[in-house]
C-alpha atoms as a PDB file:
ATOM      1  CA  UNK A   1      53.141 136.006  72.786  1.00  0.00           C
ATOM      2  CA  UNK A   2      52.764 134.841  69.040  1.00  0.00           C
ATOM      3  CA  UNK A   3      49.377 135.336  67.362  1.00  0.00           C
ATOM      4  CA  UNK A   4      51.225 136.052  63.557  1.00  0.00           C
ATOM      5  CA  UNK A   5      52.361 137.975  61.710  1.00  0.00           C
ATOM      6  CA  UNK A   6      49.211 139.681  60.798  1.00  0.00           C
ATOM      7  CA  UNK A   7      49.137 141.212  64.631  1.00  0.00           C
ATOM      8  CA  UNK A   8      51.187 144.009  64.490  1.00  0.00           C
ATOM      9  CA  UNK A   9      53.952 144.550  67.282  1.00  0.00           C
ATOM     10  CA  UNK A  10      52.526 147.549  68.608  1.00  0.00           C
ATOM     11  CA  UNK A  11      48.860 145.988  69.366  1.00  0.00           C
ATOM     12  CA  UNK A  12      50.868 142.527  70.632  1.00  0.00           C
ATOM     13  CA  UNK A  13      52.569 144.819  73.376  1.00  0.00           C
ATOM     14  CA  UNK A  14      49.207 145.777  74.236  1.00  0.00           C
ATOM     15  CA  UNK A  15      47.149 142.586  74.743  1.00  0.00           C
ATOM     16  CA  UNK A  16      50.620 141.528  76.335  1.00  0.00           C
ATOM     17  CA  UNK A  17      50.650 144.189  79.018  1.00  0.00           C
ATOM     18  CA  UNK A  18      46.865 143.758  79.892  1.00  0.00           C
ATOM     19  CA  UNK A  19      47.339 140.206  79.931  1.00  0.00           C
ATOM     20  CA  UNK A  20      50.535 140.790  82.263  1.00  0.00           C
ATOM     21  CA  UNK A  21      48.119 142.882  84.858  1.00  0.00           C
ATOM     22  CA  UNK A  22      45.143 139.944  84.953  1.00  0.00           C
ATOM     23  CA  UNK A  23      45.271 138.642  88.711  1.00  0.00           C
ATOM     24  CA  UNK A  24      45.461 134.930  87.589  1.00  0.00           C
ATOM     25  CA  UNK A  25      47.839 132.497  85.808  1.00  0.00           C
ATOM     26  CA  UNK A  26      47.009 132.918  81.883  1.00  0.00           C
ATOM     27  CA  UNK A  27      48.764 131.052  79.190  1.00  0.00           C
ATOM     28  CA  UNK A  28      48.487 130.761  75.558  1.00  0.00           C
ATOM     29  CA  UNK A  29      49.984 127.248  74.216  1.00  0.00           C
ATOM     30  CA  UNK A  30      50.162 126.362  70.512  1.00  0.00           C
ATOM     31  CA  UNK A  31      48.653 122.711  69.201  1.00  0.00           C
ATOM     32  CA  UNK A  32      51.861 121.173  70.005  1.00  0.00           C
ATOM     33  CA  UNK A  33      51.744 122.117  73.688  1.00  0.00           C
ATOM     34  CA  UNK A  34      54.385 124.498  73.039  1.00  0.00           C
ATOM     35  CA  UNK A  35      53.932 127.965  75.382  1.00  0.00           C
ATOM     36  CA  UNK A  36      53.486 130.831  73.296  1.00  0.00           C
ATOM     37  CA  UNK A  37      52.634 133.608  76.596  1.00  0.00           C
ATOM     38  CA  UNK A  38      52.761 132.966  80.062  1.00  0.00           C
ATOM     39  CA  UNK A  39      51.744 136.398  82.544  1.00  0.00           C
ATOM     40  CA  UNK A  40      54.117 136.852  85.323  1.00  0.00           C
ATOM     41  CA  UNK A  41      51.274 135.330  87.332  1.00  0.00           C
ATOM     42  CA  UNK A  42      51.635 132.062  85.792  1.00  0.00           C
ATOM     43  CA  UNK A  43      55.800 132.366  86.284  1.00  0.00           C
ATOM     44  CA  UNK A  44      57.182 134.802  88.466  1.00  0.00           C
ATOM     45  CA  UNK A  45      60.699 134.454  87.015  1.00  0.00           C
ATOM     46  CA  UNK A  46      61.123 136.587  84.214  1.00  0.00           C
ATOM     47  CA  UNK A  47      64.348 134.658  82.950  1.00  0.00           C
ATOM     48  CA  UNK A  48      62.775 131.411  83.294  1.00  0.00           C
ATOM     49  CA  UNK A  49      59.280 132.525  81.966  1.00  0.00           C
ATOM     50  CA  UNK A  50      61.521 133.613  78.663  1.00  0.00           C
ATOM     51  CA  UNK A  51      62.836 130.414  78.723  1.00  0.00           C
ATOM     52  CA  UNK A  52      59.785 128.669  78.691  1.00  0.00           C
ATOM     53  CA  UNK A  53      58.013 130.295  75.420  1.00  0.00           C
ATOM     54  CA  UNK A  54      58.405 127.425  72.535  1.00  0.00           C
ATOM     55  CA  UNK A  55      58.739 124.468  75.445  1.00  0.00           C
ATOM     56  CA  UNK A  56      55.924 122.266  76.666  1.00  0.00           C
ATOM     57  CA  UNK A  57      55.489 120.950  80.416  1.00  0.00           C
ATOM     58  CA  UNK A  58      57.399 117.556  80.186  1.00  0.00           C
ATOM     59  CA  UNK A  59      60.808 120.148  79.066  1.00  0.00           C
ATOM     60  CA  UNK A  60      59.826 122.190  81.918  1.00  0.00           C
ATOM     61  CA  UNK A  61      58.995 119.729  84.717  1.00  0.00           C
ATOM     62  CA  UNK A  62      62.314 117.871  83.115  1.00  0.00           C
ATOM     63  CA  UNK A  63      64.878 120.558  83.533  1.00  0.00           C
ATOM     64  CA  UNK A  64      63.323 121.092  87.148  1.00  0.00           C
ATOM     65  CA  UNK A  65      63.594 117.337  88.023  1.00  0.00           C
ATOM     66  CA  UNK A  66      60.000 117.568  89.581  1.00  0.00           C
ATOM     67  CA  UNK A  67      57.422 114.889  89.453  1.00  0.00           C
ATOM     68  CA  UNK A  68      56.599 114.095  85.773  1.00  0.00           C
ATOM     69  CA  UNK A  69      53.151 112.538  86.889  1.00  0.00           C
ATOM     70  CA  UNK A  70      51.901 115.380  87.039  1.00  0.00           C
ATOM     71  CA  UNK A  71      53.427 116.718  83.452  1.00  0.00           C
ATOM     72  CA  UNK A  72      52.012 113.555  82.095  1.00  0.00           C
ATOM     73  CA  UNK A  73      48.467 114.638  83.882  1.00  0.00           C
ATOM     74  CA  UNK A  74      48.486 118.053  82.011  1.00  0.00           C
ATOM     75  CA  UNK A  75      49.308 116.571  78.888  1.00  0.00           C
ATOM     76  CA  UNK A  76      46.629 113.962  79.173  1.00  0.00           C
ATOM     77  CA  UNK A  77      44.068 116.966  79.595  1.00  0.00           C
ATOM     78  CA  UNK A  78      45.669 118.762  76.770  1.00  0.00           C
ATOM     79  CA  UNK A  79      45.037 115.789  74.156  1.00  0.00           C
ATOM     80  CA  UNK A  80      41.562 115.190  75.299  1.00  0.00           C
ATOM     81  CA  UNK A  81      40.772 119.345  74.295  1.00  0.00           C
ATOM     82  CA  UNK A  82      42.378 118.412  71.080  1.00  0.00           C
ATOM     83  CA  UNK A  83      39.977 115.830  70.264  1.00  0.00           C
ATOM     84  CA  UNK A  84      37.237 116.999  72.031  1.00  0.00           C
ATOM     85  CA  UNK A  85      37.455 120.592  71.427  1.00  0.00           C
ATOM     86  CA  UNK A  86      36.090 121.241  74.569  1.00  0.00           C
ATOM     87  CA  UNK A  87      37.208 123.154  77.657  1.00  0.00           C
ATOM     88  CA  UNK A  88      38.762 120.969  80.673  1.00  0.00           C
ATOM     89  CA  UNK A  89      39.184 122.102  84.087  1.00  0.00           C
ATOM     90  CA  UNK A  90      41.177 120.405  86.860  1.00  0.00           C
ATOM     91  CA  UNK A  91      42.604 121.090  90.345  1.00  0.00           C
ATOM     92  CA  UNK A  92      46.175 121.001  91.428  1.00  0.00           C
ATOM     93  CA  UNK A  93      48.037 120.890  94.777  1.00  0.00           C
ATOM     94  CA  UNK A  94      51.030 122.218  94.763  1.00  0.00           C
ATOM     95  CA  UNK A  95      54.077 123.696  97.188  1.00  0.00           C
ATOM     96  CA  UNK A  96      54.640 126.957  97.101  1.00  0.00           C
ATOM     97  CA  UNK A  97      58.108 128.968  97.991  1.00  0.00           C
ATOM     98  CA  UNK A  98      57.145 129.087 101.940  1.00  0.00           C
ATOM     99  CA  UNK A  99      56.973 125.207 101.624  1.00  0.00           C
ATOM    100  CA  UNK A 100      52.874 125.723 102.313  1.00  0.00           C
ATOM    101  CA  UNK A 101      50.492 123.814  99.993  1.00  0.00           C
ATOM    102  CA  UNK A 102      48.439 125.190  97.719  1.00  0.00           C
ATOM    103  CA  UNK A 103      45.444 124.413  95.535  1.00  0.00           C
ATOM    104  CA  UNK A 104      45.045 125.820  91.902  1.00  0.00           C
ATOM    105  CA  UNK A 105      41.640 125.371  90.116  1.00  0.00           C
ATOM    106  CA  UNK A 106      43.014 125.351  86.257  1.00  0.00           C
ATOM    107  CA  UNK A 107      40.911 125.168  83.213  1.00  0.00           C
ATOM    108  CA  UNK A 108      42.008 125.527  79.477  1.00  0.00           C
ATOM    109  CA  UNK A 109      40.013 126.255  76.475  1.00  0.00           C
ATOM    110  CA  UNK A 110      40.714 125.845  72.424  1.00  0.00           C
ATOM    111  CA  UNK A 111      40.078 128.776  70.158  1.00  0.00           C
ATOM    112  CA  UNK A 112      39.345 128.346  66.911  1.00  0.00           C
ATOM    113  CA  UNK A 113      40.160 129.147  64.040  1.00  0.00           C
ATOM    114  CA  UNK A 114      37.445 130.170  60.936  1.00  0.00           C
ATOM    115  CA  UNK A 115      37.516 126.683  59.705  1.00  0.00           C
ATOM    116  CA  UNK A 116      36.388 126.004  63.424  1.00  0.00           C
ATOM    117  CA  UNK A 117      39.839 123.886  64.124  1.00  0.00           C
ATOM    118  CA  UNK A 118      41.707 124.598  67.067  1.00  0.00           C
ATOM    119  CA  UNK A 119      44.530 127.460  66.086  1.00  0.00           C
ATOM    120  CA  UNK A 120      45.760 127.668  70.406  1.00  0.00           C
ATOM    121  CA  UNK A 121      44.922 126.779  73.275  1.00  0.00           C
ATOM    122  CA  UNK A 122      44.116 129.479  76.621  1.00  0.00           C
ATOM    123  CA  UNK A 123      44.937 128.494  79.872  1.00  0.00           C
ATOM    124  CA  UNK A 124      44.227 130.419  83.357  1.00  0.00           C
ATOM    125  CA  UNK A 125      44.148 129.145  86.738  1.00  0.00           C
ATOM    126  CA  UNK A 126      43.045 131.009  90.145  1.00  0.00           C
ATOM    127  CA  UNK A 127      44.423 129.901  93.465  1.00  0.00           C
ATOM    128  CA  UNK A 128      41.575 128.432  95.644  1.00  0.00           C
ATOM    129  CA  UNK A 129      43.173 127.540  98.755  1.00  0.00           C
ATOM    130  CA  UNK A 130      41.106 129.360 100.875  1.00  0.00           C
ATOM    131  CA  UNK A 131      38.065 128.902  99.289  1.00  0.00           C
ATOM    132  CA  UNK A 132      38.619 124.821  99.764  1.00  0.00           C
ATOM    133  CA  UNK A 133      39.722 125.706 103.486  1.00  0.00           C
ATOM    134  CA  UNK A 134      36.548 126.879 104.141  1.00  0.00           C
ATOM    135  CA  UNK A 135      34.872 124.126 102.534  1.00  0.00           C
ATOM    136  CA  UNK A 136      36.660 121.645 104.641  1.00  0.00           C
ATOM    137  CA  UNK A 137      35.278 123.681 107.682  1.00  0.00           C
ATOM    138  CA  UNK A 138      31.941 124.040 106.721  1.00  0.00           C
ATOM    139  CA  UNK A 139      32.066 119.916 106.245  1.00  0.00           C
ATOM    140  CA  UNK A 140      34.081 119.486 109.564  1.00  0.00           C
ATOM    141  CA  UNK A 141      30.974 121.749 110.921  1.00  0.00           C
ATOM    142  CA  UNK A 142      28.368 120.045 109.522  1.00  0.00           C
ATOM    143  CA  UNK A 143      29.724 116.840 110.759  1.00  0.00           C
ATOM    144  CA  UNK A 144      29.777 118.001 114.275  1.00  0.00           C
ATOM    145  CA  UNK A 145      26.354 119.104 114.327  1.00  0.00           C
ATOM    146  CA  UNK A 146      25.188 116.135 112.383  1.00  0.00           C
ATOM    147  CA  UNK A 147      26.713 113.868 115.360  1.00  0.00           C
ATOM    148  CA  UNK A 148      25.510 116.394 118.200  1.00  0.00           C
ATOM    149  CA  UNK A 149      22.111 115.749 116.657  1.00  0.00           C
ATOM    150  CA  UNK A 150      22.219 112.013 115.779  1.00  0.00           C
ATOM    151  CA  UNK A 151      23.882 110.553 119.046  1.00  0.00           C
ATOM    152  CA  UNK A 152      22.457 113.309 121.981  1.00  0.00           C
ATOM    153  CA  UNK A 153      20.807 111.427 124.484  1.00  0.00           C
ATOM    154  CA  UNK A 154      18.052 114.008 124.283  1.00  0.00           C
ATOM    155  CA  UNK A 155      14.953 114.355 122.159  1.00  0.00           C
ATOM    156  CA  UNK A 156      15.697 116.820 119.411  1.00  0.00           C
ATOM    157  CA  UNK A 157      13.542 118.367 116.430  1.00  0.00           C
ATOM    158  CA  UNK A 158      13.552 121.405 113.871  1.00  0.00           C
ATOM    159  CA  UNK A 159      10.312 122.812 112.855  1.00  0.00           C
ATOM    160  CA  UNK A 160       9.850 125.676 110.474  1.00  0.00           C
ATOM    161  CA  UNK A 161       7.903 129.007 112.004  1.00  0.00           C
ATOM    162  CA  UNK A 162       4.972 127.445 111.373  1.00  0.00           C
ATOM    163  CA  UNK A 163       5.436 125.012 113.402  1.00  0.00           C
ATOM    164  CA  UNK A 164       6.026 122.044 110.536  1.00  0.00           C
ATOM    165  CA  UNK A 165       8.532 119.288 112.322  1.00  0.00           C
ATOM    166  CA  UNK A 166      11.242 119.121 109.713  1.00  0.00           C
ATOM    167  CA  UNK A 167      13.207 116.366 111.393  1.00  0.00           C
ATOM    168  CA  UNK A 168      13.619 114.193 114.611  1.00  0.00           C
ATOM    169  CA  UNK A 169      16.788 112.876 115.637  1.00  0.00           C
ATOM    170  CA  UNK A 170      16.847 109.039 116.660  1.00  0.00           C
ATOM    171  CA  UNK A 171      16.420 109.388 120.163  1.00  0.00           C
ATOM    172  CA  UNK A 172      12.927 110.185 119.318  1.00  0.00           C
ATOM    173  CA  UNK A 173      12.656 107.209 117.674  1.00  0.00           C
ATOM    174  CA  UNK A 174      13.467 104.873 120.773  1.00  0.00           C
ATOM    175  CA  UNK A 175      11.718 106.877 123.118  1.00  0.00           C
ATOM    176  CA  UNK A 176       8.514 107.014 121.285  1.00  0.00           C
ATOM    177  CA  UNK A 177       7.241 103.461 122.850  1.00  0.00           C
ATOM    178  CA  UNK A 178       8.333 104.341 126.565  1.00  0.00           C
ATOM    179  CA  UNK A 179       6.343 107.650 125.948  1.00  0.00           C
ATOM    180  CA  UNK A 180       3.144 106.361 124.101  1.00  0.00           C
ATOM    181  CA  UNK A 181       0.689 106.758 126.890  1.00  0.00           C
ATOM    182  CA  UNK A 182       2.528 110.075 128.048  1.00  0.00           C
ATOM    183  CA  UNK A 183       0.668 113.245 127.283  1.00  0.00           C
ATOM    184  CA  UNK A 184       2.251 116.081 124.943  1.00  0.00           C
ATOM    185  CA  UNK A 185       3.334 119.292 126.182  1.00  0.00           C
ATOM    186  CA  UNK A 186       0.156 121.548 125.557  1.00  0.00           C
ATOM    187  CA  UNK A 187       1.851 123.346 122.566  1.00  0.00           C
ATOM    188  CA  UNK A 188       2.975 120.445 120.994  1.00  0.00           C
ATOM    189  CA  UNK A 189       0.315 118.655 118.599  1.00  0.00           C
ATOM    190  CA  UNK A 190       1.765 114.873 118.123  1.00  0.00           C
ATOM    191  CA  UNK A 191       0.388 112.163 115.739  1.00  0.00           C
ATOM    192  CA  UNK A 192       2.624 109.317 117.432  1.00  0.00           C
ATOM    193  CA  UNK A 193       1.450 106.781 115.010  1.00  0.00           C
ATOM    194  CA  UNK A 194       2.843 108.409 111.650  1.00  0.00           C
ATOM    195  CA  UNK A 195       5.657 110.576 113.613  1.00  0.00           C
ATOM    196  CA  UNK A 196       4.490 113.311 112.707  1.00  0.00           C
ATOM    197  CA  UNK A 197       4.393 116.430 114.837  1.00  0.00           C
ATOM    198  CA  UNK A 198       3.441 120.140 114.817  1.00  0.00           C
ATOM    199  CA  UNK A 199       4.014 123.278 117.487  1.00  0.00           C
ATOM    200  CA  UNK A 200       0.864 124.892 118.429  1.00  0.00           C
ATOM    201  CA  UNK A 201       2.951 128.006 119.838  1.00  0.00           C
ATOM    202  CA  UNK A 202       6.306 129.137 120.690  1.00  0.00           C
ATOM    203  CA  UNK A 203       7.191 127.100 124.578  1.00  0.00           C
ATOM    204  CA  UNK A 204       8.151 129.081 127.168  1.00  0.00           C
ATOM    205  CA  UNK A 205      11.986 128.703 128.311  1.00  0.00           C
ATOM    206  CA  UNK A 206      11.424 126.657 131.256  1.00  0.00           C
ATOM    207  CA  UNK A 207       9.014 124.349 128.805  1.00  0.00           C
ATOM    208  CA  UNK A 208      11.867 124.169 126.208  1.00  0.00           C
ATOM    209  CA  UNK A 209      13.988 123.113 128.646  1.00  0.00           C
ATOM    210  CA  UNK A 210      12.099 120.705 131.325  1.00  0.00           C
ATOM    211  CA  UNK A 211       9.599 118.640 129.329  1.00  0.00           C
ATOM    212  CA  UNK A 212       9.086 115.533 131.688  1.00  0.00           C
ATOM    213  CA  UNK A 213       7.905 112.887 129.586  1.00  0.00           C
ATOM    214  CA  UNK A 214       8.529 110.005 131.943  1.00  0.00           C
ATOM    215  CA  UNK A 215      11.069 109.636 135.106  1.00  0.00           C
ATOM    216  CA  UNK A 216      14.316 109.770 132.747  1.00  0.00           C
ATOM    217  CA  UNK A 217      13.393 111.505 129.379  1.00  0.00           C
ATOM    218  CA  UNK A 218      13.690 115.183 128.830  1.00  0.00           C
ATOM    219  CA  UNK A 219      12.347 116.850 125.495  1.00  0.00           C
ATOM    220  CA  UNK A 220      15.006 119.604 124.055  1.00  0.00           C
ATOM    221  CA  UNK A 221      13.608 120.941 121.114  1.00  0.00           C
ATOM    222  CA  UNK A 222      15.817 123.341 118.479  1.00  0.00           C
ATOM    223  CA  UNK A 223      14.184 125.685 116.900  1.00  0.00           C
ATOM    224  CA  UNK A 224      15.335 126.394 113.261  1.00  0.00           C
END
């Protein structure tokens, strides 16, 4: 790590040792985009890590025969940081040594000198593959339950503990006219005109699954 002659070699080694054990990618670049330091998480191969000192992303990608689009994207973000002096953040998809897709959240932020000018840039990245996988599972689950709610032929509503109705599914709206003259269950107060309802008491289990509104419609009430 190059930080100027004012930093004693022993102190420099001390900080490098600390950064080397941080469990995330950490790099330091100069204002030309050349690497001054990379920790082992950023580049595991010590020979390549040593070679990269003084090199740019574009030089590294070109030497490896990799897609230069990613290098150019990083360069554009680097230029943006220099112009705005503001942190930049982005996500990158990569393929690991096992051929598996990984998603990294990367950030770069400027380090100013006493005059407020950027003297170096610190970048770091964390692997968010598992977090993204969980987020995708949540989205799929929400869609599955939303589809169940919207497309079920049963009448479904959700309500708070005080009985206030939160939501009703479309089947309830379609059934409103068909049940306009049918009495409501004794535990449910219904304002049909304004599509409002209030649960007066907890229904018995048999009421929950067998509320007969007419010859064909059965209410299912899912408490929230």
